[in-house]
Amino acid sequence: LIQTKDGGFFTAARAGANDGMVNGSPHGGNDIWLLKLDADLNIEWQNLIGGSGFDAGGRGVSELEDGGYIINGVTRSSDGDVHGNDFPHVPNQDDIWVVRIDSLGNILWDIALGGDNFEQDSKIFANEDGTFTVFGSTRSPNNGDVEGKHYTYHYPHNINDDIWMVHLSENGELLDQRCFGNASPTALRRGVIKKTDSHYLIAGSAYARQAIPDEPELPTDGEVYSGYTSTSRDIWFFEIVDCENFQPETPANIEGEDSICIANTTESTYI
């Protein structure tokens, strides 16, 4: 739920029936329920979007400069309003579903993101250049839209997750993506703070290393660093930056009399 610029509120939730306060055209068992309220919590407009499978709003909702919204939910559909599901015949696999709507809830574009396993939504951010950065998690073993997934094991019904970051164009095209994790499960709920378009702080959870009975020695590569082996989840806090787009500020000129420092006017050094 977010407060909108006009003082009202907007949310992308889930509705399983078209009755009570829900007024729309259902697509399947569960749809995303787009709901715009005024400042006094009266319904201004609403809409149901989705396909014939399970669809649900999620943790990522942002208001855009044009008065529309970008939302980040989940879908098991490959029909109706849903486009981009790469494995429509695999049962019960959730994709992250990103939908851009106008100020009245009409869909401008959408894209389902993921592979043949389970993806979970988290935050979504609009960038100054019109692109979008999506955060979530993935279990898919490097197929579909997922590349760079860390080691995957099956014990006995569990497959490890990686934290997943996706970069979309202003028209919903996949530009880039990145997996963060190691050989054990990592997870992300709501813990993402954006400092700039190229700079994020992330708080998820991870095993520093997990011993698996009857499994060969797990690889140690990955991005979860710890000095010990953890048998339960720890908080995993890390900071990421896109070095191609991120440039530190130029240091200010030295003021006052020089003592042991001498100003160099021809170059600056960054560490």
C-alpha atoms as a PDB file:
ATOM      1  CA  LEU A   1       0.000   0.000   0.000  1.00  0.00           C
ATOM      2  CA  ILE A   2       1.331   3.430  -0.942  1.00  0.00           C
ATOM      3  CA  GLN A   3       0.069   6.958  -0.421  1.00  0.00           C
ATOM      4  CA  THR A   4      -0.412   8.724  -3.750  1.00  0.00           C
ATOM      5  CA  LYS A   5       0.456  12.280  -4.722  1.00  0.00           C
ATOM      6  CA  ASP A   6      -3.191  13.369  -4.451  1.00  0.00           C
ATOM      7  CA  GLY A   7      -3.366  12.234  -0.817  1.00  0.00           C
ATOM      8  CA  GLY A   8      -5.187   8.994  -1.592  1.00  0.00           C
ATOM      9  CA  PHE A   9      -3.909   5.429  -1.553  1.00  0.00           C
ATOM     10  CA  PHE A  10      -3.192   2.636  -4.013  1.00  0.00           C
ATOM     11  CA  THR A  11      -2.598  -1.073  -3.592  1.00  0.00           C
ATOM     12  CA  ALA A  12      -2.252  -4.183  -5.738  1.00  0.00           C
ATOM     13  CA  ALA A  13      -3.685  -7.021  -3.658  1.00  0.00           C
ATOM     14  CA  ARG A  14      -5.429 -10.323  -4.453  1.00  0.00           C
ATOM     15  CA  ALA A  15      -9.097 -11.175  -4.905  1.00  0.00           C
ATOM     16  CA  GLY A  16     -10.622 -14.608  -5.330  1.00  0.00           C
ATOM     17  CA  ALA A  17     -14.233 -13.620  -5.978  1.00  0.00           C
ATOM     18  CA  ASN A  18     -16.228 -10.876  -7.669  1.00  0.00           C
ATOM     19  CA  ASP A  19     -18.535  -9.901  -4.817  1.00  0.00           C
ATOM     20  CA  GLY A  20     -18.699  -7.679  -1.760  1.00  0.00           C
ATOM     21  CA  MET A  21     -16.453  -4.672  -2.370  1.00  0.00           C
ATOM     22  CA  VAL A  22     -14.754  -6.373  -5.332  1.00  0.00           C
ATOM     23  CA  ASN A  23     -16.208  -5.243  -8.639  1.00  0.00           C
ATOM     24  CA  GLY A  24     -14.496  -6.426 -11.816  1.00  0.00           C
ATOM     25  CA  SER A  25     -14.249  -9.130 -14.445  1.00  0.00           C
ATOM     26  CA  PRO A  26     -12.502 -12.208 -12.975  1.00  0.00           C
ATOM     27  CA  HIS A  27      -9.998 -14.118 -15.099  1.00  0.00           C
ATOM     28  CA  GLY A  28      -9.337 -17.153 -12.902  1.00  0.00           C
ATOM     29  CA  GLY A  29      -9.273 -18.444  -9.355  1.00  0.00           C
ATOM     30  CA  ASN A  30      -7.294 -15.465  -8.080  1.00  0.00           C
ATOM     31  CA  ASP A  31      -6.589 -12.124  -9.738  1.00  0.00           C
ATOM     32  CA  ILE A  32      -4.591  -9.058  -8.839  1.00  0.00           C
ATOM     33  CA  TRP A  33      -7.001  -6.529  -7.374  1.00  0.00           C
ATOM     34  CA  LEU A  34      -5.969  -2.990  -8.311  1.00  0.00           C
ATOM     35  CA  LEU A  35      -7.560  -0.568  -5.876  1.00  0.00           C
ATOM     36  CA  LYS A  36      -7.359   3.243  -5.810  1.00  0.00           C
ATOM     37  CA  LEU A  37      -8.767   5.051  -2.754  1.00  0.00           C
ATOM     38  CA  ASP A  38      -9.210   8.741  -2.070  1.00  0.00           C
ATOM     39  CA  ALA A  39      -7.942  10.430   1.098  1.00  0.00           C
ATOM     40  CA  ASP A  40     -11.130   9.406   2.964  1.00  0.00           C
ATOM     41  CA  LEU A  41     -10.698   5.731   1.907  1.00  0.00           C
ATOM     42  CA  ASN A  42     -13.549   5.779  -0.604  1.00  0.00           C
ATOM     43  CA  ILE A  43     -12.979   3.623  -3.688  1.00  0.00           C
ATOM     44  CA  GLU A  44     -12.195   5.788  -6.732  1.00  0.00           C
ATOM     45  CA  TRP A  45     -11.632   2.908  -9.151  1.00  0.00           C
ATOM     46  CA  GLN A  46     -10.700  -0.751  -9.183  1.00  0.00           C
ATOM     47  CA  ASN A  47      -9.765  -3.432 -11.674  1.00  0.00           C
ATOM     48  CA  LEU A  48      -9.061  -7.170 -11.734  1.00  0.00           C
ATOM     49  CA  ILE A  49      -6.130  -8.333 -13.871  1.00  0.00           C
ATOM     50  CA  GLY A  50      -4.620 -11.770 -14.447  1.00  0.00           C
ATOM     51  CA  GLY A  51      -5.084 -15.034 -16.281  1.00  0.00           C
ATOM     52  CA  SER A  52      -6.745 -18.389 -15.691  1.00  0.00           C
ATOM     53  CA  GLY A  53      -4.150 -19.435 -13.063  1.00  0.00           C
ATOM     54  CA  PHE A  54      -3.164 -18.027  -9.700  1.00  0.00           C
ATOM     55  CA  ASP A  55      -2.248 -14.329  -9.747  1.00  0.00           C
ATOM     56  CA  ALA A  56      -1.526 -12.090  -6.783  1.00  0.00           C
ATOM     57  CA  GLY A  57      -0.324  -8.591  -6.063  1.00  0.00           C
ATOM     58  CA  GLY A  58       2.847  -8.327  -4.085  1.00  0.00           C
ATOM     59  CA  ARG A  59       5.353  -6.219  -2.228  1.00  0.00           C
ATOM     60  CA  GLY A  60       6.343  -3.901  -5.073  1.00  0.00           C
ATOM     61  CA  VAL A  61       4.153  -0.896  -5.880  1.00  0.00           C
ATOM     62  CA  SER A  62       5.364   2.496  -7.134  1.00  0.00           C
ATOM     63  CA  GLU A  63       3.574   5.600  -8.419  1.00  0.00           C
ATOM     64  CA  LEU A  64       5.070   7.061 -11.606  1.00  0.00           C
ATOM     65  CA  GLU A  65       5.525  10.629 -12.786  1.00  0.00           C
ATOM     66  CA  ASP A  66       2.760  10.281 -15.405  1.00  0.00           C
ATOM     67  CA  GLY A  67       0.219   9.387 -12.718  1.00  0.00           C
ATOM     68  CA  GLY A  68       0.277   5.669 -13.496  1.00  0.00           C
ATOM     69  CA  TYR A  69       1.745   2.822 -11.472  1.00  0.00           C
ATOM     70  CA  ILE A  70       4.220  -0.042 -11.774  1.00  0.00           C
ATOM     71  CA  ILE A  71       3.467  -3.185  -9.776  1.00  0.00           C
ATOM     72  CA  ASN A  72       5.425  -6.331  -9.010  1.00  0.00           C
ATOM     73  CA  GLY A  73       3.385  -9.447  -8.205  1.00  0.00           C
ATOM     74  CA  VAL A  74       3.371 -13.163  -9.020  1.00  0.00           C
ATOM     75  CA  THR A  75       1.562 -15.245 -11.621  1.00  0.00           C
ATOM     76  CA  ARG A  76       1.053 -18.869 -12.637  1.00  0.00           C
ATOM     77  CA  SER A  77      -0.903 -17.839 -15.733  1.00  0.00           C
ATOM     78  CA  SER A  78       0.141 -17.733 -19.369  1.00  0.00           C
ATOM     79  CA  ASP A  79      -3.087 -16.318 -20.806  1.00  0.00           C
ATOM     80  CA  GLY A  80      -5.472 -13.456 -20.254  1.00  0.00           C
ATOM     81  CA  ASP A  81      -3.493 -10.350 -19.319  1.00  0.00           C
ATOM     82  CA  VAL A  82      -0.244 -12.293 -18.723  1.00  0.00           C
ATOM     83  CA  HIS A  83       2.563 -12.349 -21.303  1.00  0.00           C
ATOM     84  CA  GLY A  84       6.089 -13.728 -21.225  1.00  0.00           C
ATOM     85  CA  ASN A  85       5.650 -16.986 -19.286  1.00  0.00           C
ATOM     86  CA  ASP A  86       8.391 -19.219 -20.758  1.00  0.00           C
ATOM     87  CA  PHE A  87       7.084 -22.492 -19.259  1.00  0.00           C
ATOM     88  CA  PRO A  88       3.274 -22.386 -19.476  1.00  0.00           C
ATOM     89  CA  HIS A  89       2.929 -26.171 -19.204  1.00  0.00           C
ATOM     90  CA  VAL A  90       4.910 -26.535 -15.955  1.00  0.00           C
ATOM     91  CA  PRO A  91       2.363 -26.736 -13.097  1.00  0.00           C
ATOM     92  CA  ASN A  92       2.521 -24.492 -10.041  1.00  0.00           C
ATOM     93  CA  GLN A  93       5.571 -22.479 -11.078  1.00  0.00           C
ATOM     94  CA  ASP A  94       5.349 -18.851 -10.056  1.00  0.00           C
ATOM     95  CA  ASP A  95       6.805 -16.081 -12.198  1.00  0.00           C
ATOM     96  CA  ILE A  96       7.350 -12.531 -11.062  1.00  0.00           C
ATOM     97  CA  TRP A  97       4.739 -10.477 -12.922  1.00  0.00           C
ATOM     98  CA  VAL A  98       5.556  -6.829 -13.618  1.00  0.00           C
ATOM     99  CA  VAL A  99       2.658  -4.696 -14.856  1.00  0.00           C
ATOM    100  CA  ARG A 100       2.584  -1.032 -15.821  1.00  0.00           C
ATOM    101  CA  ILE A 101      -0.836   0.613 -15.676  1.00  0.00           C
ATOM    102  CA  ASP A 102      -2.146   4.101 -16.367  1.00  0.00           C
ATOM    103  CA  SER A 103      -3.832   6.369 -13.814  1.00  0.00           C
ATOM    104  CA  LEU A 104      -7.150   4.496 -14.185  1.00  0.00           C
ATOM    105  CA  GLY A 105      -5.784   0.948 -13.928  1.00  0.00           C
ATOM    106  CA  ASN A 106      -5.584   0.077 -17.633  1.00  0.00           C
ATOM    107  CA  ILE A 107      -2.617  -2.135 -18.571  1.00  0.00           C
ATOM    108  CA  LEU A 108       0.044  -0.446 -20.705  1.00  0.00           C
ATOM    109  CA  TRP A 109       2.411  -3.438 -20.752  1.00  0.00           C
ATOM    110  CA  ASP A 110       3.305  -6.494 -18.704  1.00  0.00           C
ATOM    111  CA  ILE A 111       6.003  -9.157 -18.520  1.00  0.00           C
ATOM    112  CA  ALA A 112       6.275 -12.457 -16.626  1.00  0.00           C
ATOM    113  CA  LEU A 113       9.842 -13.046 -15.406  1.00  0.00           C
ATOM    114  CA  GLY A 114      11.379 -16.353 -14.371  1.00  0.00           C
ATOM    115  CA  GLY A 115      12.245 -19.913 -15.316  1.00  0.00           C
ATOM    116  CA  ASP A 116      10.643 -23.314 -14.802  1.00  0.00           C
ATOM    117  CA  ASN A 117      10.564 -23.159 -11.007  1.00  0.00           C
ATOM    118  CA  PHE A 118       9.481 -20.786  -8.269  1.00  0.00           C
ATOM    119  CA  GLU A 119      10.081 -17.021  -8.331  1.00  0.00           C
ATOM    120  CA  GLN A 120       9.018 -14.627  -5.588  1.00  0.00           C
ATOM    121  CA  ASP A 121       8.442 -10.898  -5.859  1.00  0.00           C
ATOM    122  CA  SER A 122       9.908  -8.102  -3.771  1.00  0.00           C
ATOM    123  CA  LYS A 123      10.501  -4.389  -4.480  1.00  0.00           C
ATOM    124  CA  ILE A 124      10.377  -2.511  -7.790  1.00  0.00           C
ATOM    125  CA  PHE A 125      11.906   0.900  -8.473  1.00  0.00           C
ATOM    126  CA  ALA A 126      11.466   3.431 -11.285  1.00  0.00           C
ATOM    127  CA  ASN A 127      14.730   4.982 -12.505  1.00  0.00           C
ATOM    128  CA  GLU A 128      15.378   8.490 -13.807  1.00  0.00           C
ATOM    129  CA  ASP A 129      16.063   7.223 -17.349  1.00  0.00           C
ATOM    130  CA  GLY A 130      12.643   5.564 -17.556  1.00  0.00           C
ATOM    131  CA  THR A 131      13.870   2.027 -16.838  1.00  0.00           C
ATOM    132  CA  PHE A 132      12.848  -0.156 -13.895  1.00  0.00           C
ATOM    133  CA  THR A 133      14.791  -2.276 -11.400  1.00  0.00           C
ATOM    134  CA  VAL A 134      13.017  -5.359 -10.059  1.00  0.00           C
ATOM    135  CA  PHE A 135      14.045  -7.361  -6.979  1.00  0.00           C
ATOM    136  CA  GLY A 136      12.868 -10.818  -5.962  1.00  0.00           C
ATOM    137  CA  SER A 137      14.176 -14.362  -5.644  1.00  0.00           C
ATOM    138  CA  THR A 138      14.446 -17.365  -7.971  1.00  0.00           C
ATOM    139  CA  ARG A 139      14.787 -21.142  -7.731  1.00  0.00           C
ATOM    140  CA  SER A 140      14.955 -21.729 -11.475  1.00  0.00           C
ATOM    141  CA  PRO A 141      18.145 -23.533 -12.571  1.00  0.00           C
ATOM    142  CA  ASN A 142      19.452 -21.139 -15.230  1.00  0.00           C
ATOM    143  CA  ASN A 143      16.620 -21.349 -17.716  1.00  0.00           C
ATOM    144  CA  GLY A 144      13.996 -18.991 -19.023  1.00  0.00           C
ATOM    145  CA  ASP A 145      15.001 -15.486 -17.969  1.00  0.00           C
ATOM    146  CA  VAL A 146      17.381 -16.663 -15.224  1.00  0.00           C
ATOM    147  CA  GLU A 147      21.157 -16.646 -15.730  1.00  0.00           C
ATOM    148  CA  GLY A 148      23.951 -16.932 -13.189  1.00  0.00           C
ATOM    149  CA  LYS A 149      21.974 -18.990 -10.658  1.00  0.00           C
ATOM    150  CA  HIS A 150      24.246 -20.534  -8.041  1.00  0.00           C
ATOM    151  CA  TYR A 151      24.489 -24.235  -7.228  1.00  0.00           C
ATOM    152  CA  THR A 152      21.128 -26.050  -7.058  1.00  0.00           C
ATOM    153  CA  TYR A 153      20.501 -29.105  -4.879  1.00  0.00           C
ATOM    154  CA  HIS A 154      17.383 -31.168  -4.190  1.00  0.00           C
ATOM    155  CA  TYR A 155      17.000 -32.236  -0.559  1.00  0.00           C
ATOM    156  CA  PRO A 156      14.490 -33.772  -0.527  1.00  0.00           C
ATOM    157  CA  HIS A 157      11.959 -31.259  -1.808  1.00  0.00           C
ATOM    158  CA  ASN A 158      13.929 -28.064  -1.335  1.00  0.00           C
ATOM    159  CA  ILE A 159      15.759 -26.162  -4.042  1.00  0.00           C
ATOM    160  CA  ASN A 160      17.920 -23.267  -3.032  1.00  0.00           C
ATOM    161  CA  ASP A 161      16.887 -19.722  -3.882  1.00  0.00           C
ATOM    162  CA  ASP A 162      19.043 -16.851  -5.075  1.00  0.00           C
ATOM    163  CA  ILE A 163      18.184 -13.198  -4.643  1.00  0.00           C
ATOM    164  CA  TRP A 164      17.394 -11.954  -8.162  1.00  0.00           C
ATOM    165  CA  MET A 165      17.697  -8.463  -9.636  1.00  0.00           C
ATOM    166  CA  VAL A 166      16.271  -7.631 -13.081  1.00  0.00           C
ATOM    167  CA  HIS A 167      16.616  -4.444 -15.136  1.00  0.00           C
ATOM    168  CA  LEU A 168      13.723  -3.611 -17.499  1.00  0.00           C
ATOM    169  CA  SER A 169      13.406  -0.980 -20.204  1.00  0.00           C
ATOM    170  CA  GLU A 170      10.675   1.663 -20.086  1.00  0.00           C
ATOM    171  CA  ASN A 171       8.629  -0.636 -22.363  1.00  0.00           C
ATOM    172  CA  GLY A 172       9.096  -3.752 -20.240  1.00  0.00           C
ATOM    173  CA  GLU A 173      11.919  -5.405 -22.176  1.00  0.00           C
ATOM    174  CA  LEU A 174      14.474  -7.402 -20.177  1.00  0.00           C
ATOM    175  CA  LEU A 175      17.804  -5.560 -20.366  1.00  0.00           C
ATOM    176  CA  ASP A 176      19.911  -7.318 -17.737  1.00  0.00           C
ATOM    177  CA  GLN A 177      19.666  -9.559 -14.681  1.00  0.00           C
ATOM    178  CA  ARG A 178      21.853 -10.790 -11.840  1.00  0.00           C
ATOM    179  CA  CYS A 179      21.663 -13.540  -9.194  1.00  0.00           C
ATOM    180  CA  PHE A 180      23.110 -13.109  -5.698  1.00  0.00           C
ATOM    181  CA  GLY A 181      23.703 -16.074  -3.400  1.00  0.00           C
ATOM    182  CA  ASN A 182      25.732 -19.219  -2.829  1.00  0.00           C
ATOM    183  CA  ALA A 183      25.170 -22.976  -2.641  1.00  0.00           C
ATOM    184  CA  SER A 184      22.572 -22.617   0.120  1.00  0.00           C
ATOM    185  CA  PRO A 185      19.187 -20.895   0.199  1.00  0.00           C
ATOM    186  CA  THR A 186      19.019 -17.110   0.236  1.00  0.00           C
ATOM    187  CA  ALA A 187      15.804 -15.111   0.476  1.00  0.00           C
ATOM    188  CA  LEU A 188      14.499 -11.584   0.121  1.00  0.00           C
ATOM    189  CA  ARG A 189      11.241 -10.141   1.393  1.00  0.00           C
ATOM    190  CA  ARG A 190      10.970  -6.348   1.587  1.00  0.00           C
ATOM    191  CA  GLY A 191      14.517  -5.431   2.519  1.00  0.00           C
ATOM    192  CA  VAL A 192      15.709  -3.209  -0.335  1.00  0.00           C
ATOM    193  CA  ILE A 193      16.615   0.470  -0.042  1.00  0.00           C
ATOM    194  CA  LYS A 194      17.488   2.477  -3.136  1.00  0.00           C
ATOM    195  CA  LYS A 195      20.169   5.134  -2.634  1.00  0.00           C
ATOM    196  CA  THR A 196      20.495   6.014  -6.339  1.00  0.00           C
ATOM    197  CA  ASP A 197      19.557   4.364  -9.636  1.00  0.00           C
ATOM    198  CA  SER A 198      22.812   2.396  -9.456  1.00  0.00           C
ATOM    199  CA  HIS A 199      23.202   1.891  -5.713  1.00  0.00           C
ATOM    200  CA  TYR A 200      21.158  -0.366  -3.405  1.00  0.00           C
ATOM    201  CA  LEU A 201      21.251  -1.725   0.142  1.00  0.00           C
ATOM    202  CA  ILE A 202      19.780  -5.211   0.556  1.00  0.00           C
ATOM    203  CA  ALA A 203      18.784  -7.079   3.707  1.00  0.00           C
ATOM    204  CA  GLY A 204      17.817 -10.701   3.110  1.00  0.00           C
ATOM    205  CA  SER A 205      18.573 -14.006   4.757  1.00  0.00           C
ATOM    206  CA  ALA A 206      21.115 -16.705   4.001  1.00  0.00           C
ATOM    207  CA  TYR A 207      22.962 -19.735   5.259  1.00  0.00           C
ATOM    208  CA  ALA A 208      26.679 -19.076   5.409  1.00  0.00           C
ATOM    209  CA  ARG A 209      27.085 -22.772   4.543  1.00  0.00           C
ATOM    210  CA  GLN A 210      24.638 -25.627   4.917  1.00  0.00           C
ATOM    211  CA  ALA A 211      25.564 -29.261   5.384  1.00  0.00           C
ATOM    212  CA  ILE A 212      23.317 -31.589   3.383  1.00  0.00           C
ATOM    213  CA  PRO A 213      23.140 -35.302   4.378  1.00  0.00           C
ATOM    214  CA  ASP A 214      24.143 -37.725   1.608  1.00  0.00           C
ATOM    215  CA  GLU A 215      25.178 -34.852  -0.620  1.00  0.00           C
ATOM    216  CA  PRO A 216      28.665 -34.365  -2.022  1.00  0.00           C
ATOM    217  CA  GLU A 217      30.727 -31.503  -0.682  1.00  0.00           C
ATOM    218  CA  LEU A 218      28.965 -28.288  -1.620  1.00  0.00           C
ATOM    219  CA  PRO A 219      30.883 -25.702  -3.619  1.00  0.00           C
ATOM    220  CA  THR A 220      32.054 -22.701  -1.634  1.00  0.00           C
ATOM    221  CA  ASP A 221      31.806 -20.105  -4.371  1.00  0.00           C
ATOM    222  CA  GLY A 222      29.173 -17.444  -4.091  1.00  0.00           C
ATOM    223  CA  GLU A 223      28.647 -14.111  -2.460  1.00  0.00           C
ATOM    224  CA  VAL A 224      27.697 -14.993   1.128  1.00  0.00           C
ATOM    225  CA  TYR A 225      30.736 -14.400   3.307  1.00  0.00           C
ATOM    226  CA  SER A 226      31.042 -15.648   6.867  1.00  0.00           C
ATOM    227  CA  GLY A 227      33.777 -16.959   9.091  1.00  0.00           C
ATOM    228  CA  TYR A 228      31.809 -19.977  10.274  1.00  0.00           C
ATOM    229  CA  THR A 229      29.324 -22.609   9.175  1.00  0.00           C
ATOM    230  CA  SER A 230      25.744 -21.724  10.027  1.00  0.00           C
ATOM    231  CA  THR A 231      23.099 -24.396  10.628  1.00  0.00           C
ATOM    232  CA  SER A 232      20.251 -21.872  10.463  1.00  0.00           C
ATOM    233  CA  ARG A 233      19.429 -18.744   8.545  1.00  0.00           C
ATOM    234  CA  ASP A 234      21.278 -15.541   9.281  1.00  0.00           C
ATOM    235  CA  ILE A 235      20.438 -12.009   8.223  1.00  0.00           C
ATOM    236  CA  TRP A 236      22.464 -11.230   5.093  1.00  0.00           C
ATOM    237  CA  PHE A 237      23.087  -7.523   4.604  1.00  0.00           C
ATOM    238  CA  PHE A 238      25.013  -6.286   1.594  1.00  0.00           C
ATOM    239  CA  GLU A 239      25.448  -3.273  -0.662  1.00  0.00           C
ATOM    240  CA  ILE A 240      25.603  -3.310  -4.465  1.00  0.00           C
ATOM    241  CA  VAL A 241      26.630  -0.674  -6.961  1.00  0.00           C
ATOM    242  CA  ASP A 242      26.728  -0.551 -10.764  1.00  0.00           C
ATOM    243  CA  CYS A 243      30.245   0.677 -11.479  1.00  0.00           C
ATOM    244  CA  GLU A 244      29.431   1.532 -15.101  1.00  0.00           C
ATOM    245  CA  ASN A 245      26.796   4.048 -14.070  1.00  0.00           C
ATOM    246  CA  PHE A 246      28.010   5.045 -10.632  1.00  0.00           C
ATOM    247  CA  GLN A 247      30.640   7.744 -10.395  1.00  0.00           C
ATOM    248  CA  PRO A 248      31.628   9.304  -7.086  1.00  0.00           C
ATOM    249  CA  GLU A 249      31.313  13.035  -6.682  1.00  0.00           C
ATOM    250  CA  THR A 250      34.312  15.174  -7.571  1.00  0.00           C
ATOM    251  CA  PRO A 251      36.059  16.259  -4.357  1.00  0.00           C
ATOM    252  CA  ALA A 252      35.684  19.915  -3.451  1.00  0.00           C
ATOM    253  CA  ASN A 253      38.630  22.230  -3.891  1.00  0.00           C
ATOM    254  CA  ILE A 254      40.895  22.538  -0.894  1.00  0.00           C
ATOM    255  CA  GLU A 255      40.210  25.673   1.119  1.00  0.00           C
ATOM    256  CA  GLY A 256      42.536  27.539   3.436  1.00  0.00           C
ATOM    257  CA  GLU A 257      46.314  27.438   3.693  1.00  0.00           C
ATOM    258  CA  ASP A 258      48.095  24.269   2.666  1.00  0.00           C
ATOM    259  CA  SER A 259      50.062  22.542   5.357  1.00  0.00           C
ATOM    260  CA  ILE A 260      51.136  19.005   4.566  1.00  0.00           C
ATOM    261  CA  CYS A 261      48.565  18.705   1.744  1.00  0.00           C
ATOM    262  CA  ILE A 262      49.232  20.111  -1.705  1.00  0.00           C
ATOM    263  CA  ALA A 263      46.328  20.619  -4.140  1.00  0.00           C
ATOM    264  CA  ASN A 264      46.729  18.775  -7.454  1.00  0.00           C
ATOM    265  CA  THR A 265      44.798  20.569 -10.179  1.00  0.00           C
ATOM    266  CA  THR A 266      45.359  18.058 -12.969  1.00  0.00           C
ATOM    267  CA  GLU A 267      43.895  14.787 -11.666  1.00  0.00           C
ATOM    268  CA  SER A 268      41.828  13.250  -8.924  1.00  0.00           C
ATOM    269  CA  THR A 269      42.174   9.797  -7.419  1.00  0.00           C
ATOM    270  CA  TYR A 270      39.206   7.753  -6.177  1.00  0.00           C
ATOM    271  CA  ILE A 271      39.420   4.705  -3.946  1.00  0.00           C
END
